[in-house]
Structure formats: structure tokens, C-alpha cells
Amino acid sequence: MTYCLAIKVRNGLVFGSDSRSHAGMDHLSVYSKMFTFGIEGQRVFAVLASGNLATTQAVISQIEVDINRNAATNLHAVESTTEAAEYIGGLSLAQQKKHRSDAPTGEKFDNSASFIFGGQIAGRKPRIFLIYPEGNFIAATTGTPYLQIGEMKYGKPVLDRIITQETGLEEAALTAMVSMDSTMRSNATVGPPIEVLIYAKERLKFDRHFIFNEDNPYLMELKSAWDQKIKEAFSELTRFNWQRAEAQANHG
């Protein structure tokens, strides 16, 4: 399983991803799921991938091929991020169709893939999109300023509680890290290295890309501190008087 997320706030974008891939719990591998493209000063894009590894790798490879060949449609030539999201959705559909035709007849084969795509083209606003296996996509909005793919349920509560359009970039990155830690704690198929990319709008280059290995001191400190703060907050919650409630119910 995979967990990737992207956050859009007023001052820019934050992307986060784990790097664990598996074919059963006894066979764990490490693959980066975060890929960057663009021309510094003109356009910058990040792609996060979840799902069938053969499909996601084929899509990323085709993006690179199209750029190198200066294809009619490629990430260096699209005029908008919406056009780019549509392009990636089309590549994903094509690869899924190809892999289905390659599978043995009658064999069940899940080759689906999802992507988060985001970035900025000079003169336009930064945006993030969630691209579904079917090739269609949605964009983050003011009311929903973050997007997730993969094993998303464990990391969602902290995003709901913290992230707004006014959240600062560093705070958004910290929230992404906590969201990732919560997911790793509850699902062993999500794991480090953890990648975090912070993009300040209008900068038009990626120069804050961080990779946290399992033994990274900050990652270990964050995990310990978050665990402790949750326990402290729980201990301070107002206790419910169970005996009084039970007595009132019995006399009701």
C-alpha cells in the first residue's frame, strides 16, 4: 500500500509520500513515489503515484519520453495545469489497457493507479489535482485544500483539524509529516523513506525537497513527541460520570 498527499495553502503547495512497496508482507521494497518535472523559472510539477507499480512506473517513464522527444503534448508544452492533469489521466488509462491485454486470459489482475499532480506555470496559480484510475480528476478547492491517495484514512483526521487556506507552508509540511506518521503507525505497508516537498508560490523551482529515512533523528523525535502529546491531551479530557449516568437511566 501507499500513502501520498498534497496540500494547497495560500502561500504554496506541500507534497508528501512514503516509499514502501510490497508484494505480500514478506516482500517489502523501497520505491520513490514522488517525481518532479519542469523548467526552472517557467514551470514546475510534482507527480505522486499510488497503485500498481508497473502502471505507475510506465506512466512516469512515458512522461519522461514525451518530454525528451518534445511530443505535441508533454509537461514542458502544456498551457495549463488542467491540461497536464488530463494528459496524465490519458497516459494512465493507456497503460492500464495495455497491461490488461498482457495479462493471462481469465486471470484477475488489478493494474489500476491513482496520481496526485500539482505545480505552477508562470503567470498562473499553483494547483493540485487527484487523478483517478478512470482518468478523470478533481482539483483541490478552498473548502477541501488537501488531496490524498492510497492508505488515506489514518492520516485524514489531523488534516481535517489543522489545514486551512491560511495555514503557513511550514505548518502544512509539519501536518503532512504527522499525517504520514499516523498512517505508518496503523498500517505496516506504509513506511519510510518519507519525502516532503515544499513549494512557495511564484518561486518556479523546487529547492525544498526533503527525504527522511527510518532512522532520521527528526522523524524519530516527531513520532515520539506526537505520541506523547496525544497521551497528554487524552489525560486532560473531562471524564464522564458513568455511575451517575447509569443511575439516572435506571430511574428514568
Protein backbone atom coordinates (compact mmCIF):
# COMPACT_ATOMS: atom_id res chain seq x y z
CA MET A 1 0.00 0.00 0.00
CA THR A 2 0.97 3.62 -0.44
CA TYR A 3 0.15 6.93 1.18
CA CYS A 4 0.61 10.21 -0.66
CA LEU A 5 -0.89 13.63 -0.03
CA ALA A 6 -0.75 17.18 -1.31
CA ILE A 7 -1.80 20.37 0.45
CA LYS A 8 -2.66 23.70 -1.16
CA VAL A 9 -2.50 26.80 1.04
CA ARG A 10 -2.42 30.48 0.22
CA ASN A 11 1.38 30.64 0.08
CA GLY A 12 2.07 27.49 -1.91
CA LEU A 13 1.96 23.71 -2.01
CA VAL A 14 3.19 20.80 0.08
CA PHE A 15 3.59 17.24 -1.19
CA GLY A 16 4.29 14.14 0.91
CA SER A 17 4.78 10.46 0.12
CA ASP A 18 6.07 7.25 1.61
CA SER A 19 8.39 4.90 -0.30
CA ARG A 20 7.27 1.40 0.66
CA SER A 21 6.04 -1.09 -1.92
CA HIS A 22 5.21 -4.72 -1.30
CA ALA A 23 4.09 -7.99 -2.81
CA GLY A 24 2.87 -9.51 0.44
CA MET A 25 4.17 -8.69 3.89
CA ASP A 26 7.22 -10.92 3.41
CA HIS A 27 8.49 -8.97 0.41
CA LEU A 28 8.93 -5.26 1.06
CA SER A 29 10.73 -2.96 -1.35
CA VAL A 30 11.51 0.75 -1.48
CA TYR A 31 10.47 2.87 -4.46
CA SER A 32 10.12 6.63 -4.55
CA LYS A 33 6.57 7.68 -5.36
CA MET A 34 7.35 11.36 -5.84
CA PHE A 35 8.56 12.67 -9.20
CA THR A 36 9.31 16.22 -10.30
CA PHE A 37 9.37 17.83 -13.73
CA GLY A 38 9.59 21.28 -15.22
CA ILE A 39 11.77 24.12 -16.41
CA GLU A 40 13.12 26.32 -13.64
CA GLY A 41 11.69 29.81 -13.83
CA GLN A 42 8.91 28.74 -16.21
CA ARG A 43 7.01 25.77 -14.76
CA VAL A 44 7.33 23.17 -12.01
CA PHE A 45 5.29 20.00 -11.50
CA ALA A 46 5.19 17.17 -8.98
CA VAL A 47 3.56 13.79 -9.54
CA LEU A 48 2.75 11.37 -6.70
CA ALA A 49 1.81 7.80 -7.61
CA SER A 50 -0.22 5.06 -5.94
CA GLY A 51 -1.40 1.68 -7.17
CA ASN A 52 0.03 -0.96 -9.47
CA LEU A 53 3.79 -0.37 -9.65
CA ALA A 54 4.08 -1.46 -13.29
CA THR A 55 1.40 1.03 -14.29
CA THR A 56 2.79 3.94 -12.29
CA GLN A 57 6.35 3.37 -13.50
CA ALA A 58 5.16 3.12 -17.11
CA VAL A 59 3.26 6.42 -16.78
CA ILE A 60 6.27 8.22 -15.30
CA SER A 61 8.51 6.74 -17.99
CA GLN A 62 6.14 7.92 -20.74
CA ILE A 63 6.09 11.44 -19.26
CA GLU A 64 9.89 11.50 -19.48
CA VAL A 65 9.88 10.09 -23.02
CA ASP A 66 7.36 12.68 -24.21
CA ILE A 67 9.46 15.50 -22.75
CA ASN A 68 12.67 14.19 -24.30
CA ARG A 69 11.02 13.72 -27.70
CA ASN A 70 9.27 17.09 -27.48
CA ALA A 71 5.94 15.39 -28.18
CA ALA A 72 2.99 17.55 -29.17
CA THR A 73 1.62 17.12 -25.65
CA ASN A 74 4.13 16.99 -22.83
CA LEU A 75 4.63 18.63 -19.45
CA HIS A 76 7.02 21.20 -20.95
CA ALA A 77 4.44 22.26 -23.54
CA VAL A 78 1.01 22.18 -21.85
CA GLU A 79 -0.62 25.56 -21.42
CA SER A 80 -2.35 24.85 -18.11
CA THR A 81 -2.22 22.51 -15.15
CA THR A 82 -5.69 21.27 -16.10
CA GLU A 83 -4.35 20.20 -19.50
CA ALA A 84 -1.46 18.48 -17.74
CA ALA A 85 -3.81 16.56 -15.42
CA GLU A 86 -5.86 15.43 -18.42
CA TYR A 87 -2.68 14.32 -20.18
CA ILE A 88 -1.53 12.21 -17.21
CA GLY A 89 -5.00 10.69 -16.86
CA GLY A 90 -4.85 9.66 -20.50
CA LEU A 91 -1.41 8.06 -20.07
CA SER A 92 -2.67 6.11 -17.07
CA LEU A 93 -5.68 4.77 -18.96
CA ALA A 94 -3.49 3.73 -21.89
CA GLN A 95 -1.08 1.84 -19.65
CA GLN A 96 -3.87 0.10 -17.75
CA LYS A 97 -5.40 -1.03 -21.04
CA LYS A 98 -2.03 -2.31 -22.24
CA HIS A 99 -1.38 -4.29 -19.06
CA ARG A 100 -4.86 -5.80 -19.11
CA SER A 101 -4.25 -7.11 -22.60
CA ASP A 102 -0.92 -8.59 -21.47
CA ALA A 103 -2.47 -10.49 -18.53
CA PRO A 104 -3.28 -14.22 -18.96
CA THR A 105 -6.88 -14.85 -20.02
CA GLY A 106 -9.22 -15.21 -17.06
CA GLU A 107 -6.65 -14.08 -14.50
CA LYS A 108 -7.72 -11.35 -12.09
CA PHE A 109 -5.27 -8.50 -12.37
CA ASP A 110 -5.54 -5.13 -10.66
CA ASN A 111 -3.44 -2.73 -12.68
CA SER A 112 -5.20 0.44 -11.55
CA ALA A 113 -3.30 3.52 -10.46
CA SER A 114 -4.07 6.91 -8.96
CA PHE A 115 -1.99 10.06 -9.08
CA ILE A 116 -1.73 13.41 -7.38
CA PHE A 117 -0.45 16.07 -9.72
CA GLY A 118 0.36 19.66 -8.87
CA GLY A 119 2.53 22.64 -9.56
CA GLN A 120 2.56 26.01 -11.24
CA ILE A 121 3.07 27.54 -14.67
CA ALA A 122 4.42 31.09 -14.78
CA GLY A 123 1.57 33.59 -14.81
CA ARG A 124 -0.93 31.07 -13.44
CA LYS A 125 -1.95 29.98 -9.97
CA PRO A 126 -0.49 26.87 -8.32
CA ARG A 127 -2.96 23.96 -8.23
CA ILE A 128 -3.18 20.32 -7.19
CA PHE A 129 -5.29 17.53 -8.72
CA LEU A 130 -6.29 14.00 -7.82
CA ILE A 131 -6.32 11.79 -10.93
CA TYR A 132 -8.50 8.70 -10.59
CA PRO A 133 -7.80 5.29 -12.19
CA GLU A 134 -10.54 6.08 -14.72
CA GLY A 135 -8.51 9.05 -15.96
CA ASN A 136 -10.85 11.76 -14.68
CA PHE A 137 -9.71 14.16 -12.00
CA ILE A 138 -10.68 16.74 -9.40
CA ALA A 139 -8.87 19.83 -8.15
CA ALA A 140 -8.39 20.92 -4.56
CA THR A 141 -10.65 23.78 -3.52
CA THR A 142 -10.78 26.37 -0.76
CA GLY A 143 -13.14 24.10 1.15
CA THR A 144 -11.03 20.99 0.51
CA PRO A 145 -7.42 22.21 0.47
CA TYR A 146 -5.76 18.79 0.52
CA LEU A 147 -5.85 15.58 -1.54
CA GLN A 148 -4.86 12.01 -0.65
CA ILE A 149 -4.28 8.71 -2.44
CA GLY A 150 -3.55 5.24 -1.14
CA GLU A 151 -4.00 4.39 2.55
CA MET A 152 -5.62 7.68 3.48
CA LYS A 153 -7.95 7.05 6.41
CA TYR A 154 -5.42 7.12 9.26
CA GLY A 155 -3.83 10.39 8.19
CA LYS A 156 -7.03 12.26 7.38
CA PRO A 157 -8.17 13.42 10.87
CA VAL A 158 -5.15 15.63 11.53
CA LEU A 159 -5.50 17.22 8.08
CA ASP A 160 -9.18 17.96 8.76
CA ARG A 161 -8.35 19.57 12.09
CA ILE A 162 -5.35 21.66 11.08
CA ILE A 163 -5.29 22.56 7.40
CA THR A 164 -6.99 25.69 6.09
CA GLN A 165 -6.14 28.09 3.26
CA GLU A 166 -4.38 30.29 5.82
CA THR A 167 -2.09 27.59 7.21
CA GLY A 168 1.57 28.51 6.73
CA LEU A 169 3.77 26.40 4.47
CA GLU A 170 5.97 25.12 7.29
CA GLU A 171 2.91 24.26 9.40
CA ALA A 172 1.36 22.49 6.42
CA ALA A 173 4.56 20.47 5.97
CA LEU A 174 4.55 19.54 9.66
CA THR A 175 0.91 18.49 9.37
CA ALA A 176 1.81 16.32 6.38
CA MET A 177 4.55 14.66 8.44
CA VAL A 178 2.18 13.97 11.34
CA SER A 179 -0.41 12.62 8.90
CA MET A 180 2.24 10.30 7.47
CA ASP A 181 3.36 9.19 10.94
CA SER A 182 -0.23 8.38 11.96
CA THR A 183 -0.59 6.25 8.83
CA MET A 184 2.69 4.40 9.37
CA ARG A 185 1.73 3.62 12.96
CA SER A 186 -1.55 1.98 11.91
CA ASN A 187 -0.52 0.37 8.63
CA ALA A 188 2.76 -1.51 8.29
CA THR A 189 2.61 -1.39 4.49
CA VAL A 190 3.27 2.36 4.57
CA GLY A 191 6.79 3.25 5.54
CA PRO A 192 9.92 5.35 5.09
CA PRO A 193 11.81 6.89 3.47
CA ILE A 194 9.32 9.75 3.71
CA GLU A 195 9.58 12.50 1.12
CA VAL A 196 8.31 16.04 1.66
CA LEU A 197 8.36 18.75 -0.99
CA ILE A 198 7.58 22.36 -0.05
CA TYR A 199 6.84 24.83 -2.85
CA ALA A 200 6.39 28.57 -2.30
CA LYS A 201 4.12 30.04 -4.96
CA GLU A 202 5.74 32.08 -7.75
CA ARG A 203 9.16 30.61 -6.94
CA LEU A 204 9.03 28.33 -10.01
CA LYS A 205 11.67 25.94 -8.77
CA PHE A 206 11.81 23.04 -6.33
CA ASP A 207 14.56 23.68 -3.79
CA ARG A 208 13.00 22.33 -0.60
CA HIS A 209 12.78 18.57 -1.16
CA PHE A 210 13.46 16.51 1.96
CA ILE A 211 13.90 12.75 2.39
CA PHE A 212 13.57 11.23 5.87
CA ASN A 213 14.94 7.71 6.36
CA GLU A 214 13.66 5.43 9.10
CA ASP A 215 16.49 6.36 11.48
CA ASN A 216 16.31 10.09 10.74
CA PRO A 217 16.59 11.91 14.11
CA TYR A 218 13.82 14.39 13.29
CA LEU A 219 11.42 11.65 12.16
CA MET A 220 12.08 9.70 15.36
CA GLU A 221 11.67 12.83 17.50
CA LEU A 222 8.41 13.75 15.76
CA LYS A 223 6.97 10.28 16.28
CA SER A 224 7.87 10.27 19.98
CA ALA A 225 6.58 13.81 20.58
CA TRP A 226 3.29 13.20 18.77
CA ASP A 227 2.66 10.01 20.73
CA GLN A 228 3.33 11.81 24.00
CA LYS A 229 1.18 14.85 23.14
CA ILE A 230 -1.78 12.63 22.23
CA LYS A 231 -1.49 10.83 25.57
CA GLU A 232 -1.26 14.13 27.43
CA ALA A 233 -4.30 15.55 25.62
CA PHE A 234 -6.28 12.39 26.36
CA SER A 235 -5.39 12.54 30.06
CA GLU A 236 -6.73 16.11 30.23
CA LEU A 237 -10.14 15.32 28.75
CA THR A 238 -13.14 15.81 31.06
CA ARG A 239 -14.19 12.45 32.45
CA PHE A 240 -17.78 11.27 32.08
CA ASN A 241 -19.58 10.26 35.28
CA TRP A 242 -20.63 6.77 34.22
CA GLN A 243 -22.22 5.83 37.59
CA ARG A 244 -24.38 8.96 37.69
CA ALA A 245 -25.48 8.45 34.11
CA GLU A 246 -26.35 4.82 34.83
CA ALA A 247 -28.35 5.79 37.94
CA GLN A 248 -30.28 8.43 36.03
CA ALA A 249 -31.04 5.95 33.29
CA ASN A 250 -32.30 3.35 35.77
CA HIS A 251 -34.60 5.88 37.43
CA GLY A 252 -35.82 7.26 34.10
